[in-house]
Amino acid sequence: MSVQPGKAADGKPKVADPATVTANLRDLTVHLHRGNAAEAKKIATQAAAQLQEIIQSGDESEGVLIGRAQQTMFAVEEVRIMLSQDDVNGALAAARDAAKEWRIK
């Protein structure tokens, strides 16, 4: 049986692991705290892609997870905007908000 990239064996879209999202948000905060904006931009992009996978999964049984992903995505987008404006302190505050949104269950 062949599996398409980005698809699980059952043909459904592959969804990012919530633990991986948590780790990326933690790493994002750490890099921003250290002032490493270049690495933070990469991590923010990865986190946004993972959150988008969750949002687009459309799995009705994961409604709460999808809602958390949407709220977290708003904060991650704010991080990306702040980084594009070279506002590392603002990006750090937004990253903390993103991590907080993701933890809310």
Protein backbone atom coordinates (compact mmCIF):
# COMPACT_ATOMS: atom_id res chain seq x y z
CA MET A 1 0.00 0.00 0.00
CA SER A 2 1.39 3.41 -0.89
CA VAL A 3 0.78 6.41 1.29
CA GLN A 4 0.82 9.93 -0.12
CA PRO A 5 3.08 12.43 1.63
CA GLY A 6 1.15 14.34 4.28
CA LYS A 7 -1.45 11.60 4.54
CA ALA A 8 -1.89 8.95 7.19
CA ALA A 9 -2.28 5.29 6.15
CA ASP A 10 -6.08 5.64 6.27
CA GLY A 11 -5.97 8.51 3.73
CA LYS A 12 -6.80 11.26 6.21
CA PRO A 13 -4.53 14.32 6.36
CA LYS A 14 -1.63 13.89 8.76
CA VAL A 15 -2.18 16.05 11.84
CA ALA A 16 0.65 17.57 13.85
CA ASP A 17 1.28 16.07 17.26
CA PRO A 18 0.14 18.49 20.00
CA ALA A 19 3.31 17.70 21.98
CA THR A 20 5.42 18.88 19.04
CA VAL A 21 3.45 22.13 18.91
CA THR A 22 4.06 22.58 22.65
CA ALA A 23 7.79 22.02 22.18
CA ASN A 24 7.96 24.50 19.29
CA LEU A 25 6.13 27.17 21.27
CA ARG A 26 8.51 26.64 24.19
CA ASP A 27 11.53 26.88 21.85
CA LEU A 28 10.06 29.99 20.24
CA THR A 29 9.84 31.71 23.62
CA VAL A 30 13.37 30.68 24.57
CA HIS A 31 14.89 31.99 21.33
CA LEU A 32 13.01 35.27 21.60
CA HIS A 33 14.11 35.67 25.22
CA ARG A 34 17.70 35.22 24.03
CA GLY A 35 17.16 37.73 21.22
CA ASN A 36 17.68 35.15 18.47
CA ALA A 37 15.12 36.55 16.02
CA ALA A 38 16.36 34.57 13.01
CA GLU A 39 15.81 31.20 14.68
CA ALA A 40 12.53 32.45 16.20
CA LYS A 41 11.23 33.26 12.70
CA LYS A 42 11.95 29.69 11.57
CA ILE A 43 10.24 28.19 14.62
CA ALA A 44 7.22 30.50 14.29
CA THR A 45 6.85 29.37 10.67
CA GLN A 46 7.01 25.70 11.74
CA ALA A 47 4.49 26.25 14.54
CA ALA A 48 2.11 28.05 12.16
CA ALA A 49 2.32 25.15 9.70
CA GLN A 50 1.61 22.62 12.44
CA LEU A 51 -1.33 24.62 13.73
CA GLN A 52 -2.66 24.94 10.18
CA GLU A 53 -2.50 21.13 9.82
CA ILE A 54 -4.63 20.77 12.93
CA ILE A 55 -7.11 23.44 11.81
CA GLN A 56 -7.49 21.93 8.35
CA SER A 57 -7.90 18.38 9.65
CA GLY A 58 -11.64 19.00 10.01
CA ASP A 59 -11.88 16.13 12.48
CA GLU A 60 -15.18 16.72 14.31
CA SER A 61 -13.97 14.66 17.29
CA GLU A 62 -11.06 17.08 17.67
CA GLY A 63 -13.22 20.22 17.84
CA VAL A 64 -11.65 21.45 21.06
CA LEU A 65 -8.15 20.91 19.65
CA ILE A 66 -9.08 22.77 16.47
CA GLY A 67 -10.42 25.68 18.53
CA ARG A 68 -7.21 25.81 20.57
CA ALA A 69 -5.19 25.71 17.36
CA GLN A 70 -7.15 28.64 15.91
CA GLN A 71 -6.65 30.78 19.01
CA THR A 72 -2.98 29.88 19.17
CA MET A 73 -2.58 30.67 15.47
CA PHE A 74 -3.72 34.25 16.09
CA ALA A 75 -0.95 34.69 18.66
CA VAL A 76 1.68 33.03 16.44
CA GLU A 77 0.72 35.35 13.59
CA GLU A 78 1.20 38.26 15.98
CA VAL A 79 4.69 36.91 16.75
CA ARG A 80 5.46 36.84 13.03
CA ILE A 81 4.19 40.40 12.57
CA MET A 82 6.24 41.68 15.51
CA LEU A 83 9.35 39.93 14.18
CA SER A 84 8.84 41.49 10.75
CA GLN A 85 8.86 44.86 12.54
CA ASP A 86 12.02 43.91 14.50
CA ASP A 87 10.06 44.13 17.77
CA VAL A 88 11.58 41.21 19.69
CA ASN A 89 9.99 42.26 23.00
CA GLY A 90 6.54 42.42 21.42
CA ALA A 91 7.15 39.07 19.73
CA LEU A 92 8.19 37.57 23.07
CA ALA A 93 4.96 38.76 24.70
CA ALA A 94 2.93 37.32 21.81
CA ALA A 95 4.84 34.02 22.01
CA ARG A 96 4.00 33.77 25.69
CA ASP A 97 0.36 34.40 24.80
CA ALA A 98 0.54 31.67 22.14
CA ALA A 99 1.95 29.16 24.63
CA LYS A 100 -0.74 30.13 27.14
CA GLU A 101 -3.52 29.72 24.56
CA TRP A 102 -2.17 26.30 23.58
CA ARG A 103 -2.09 25.12 27.22
CA ILE A 104 -5.75 26.06 27.85
CA LYS A 105 -7.88 22.93 27.67
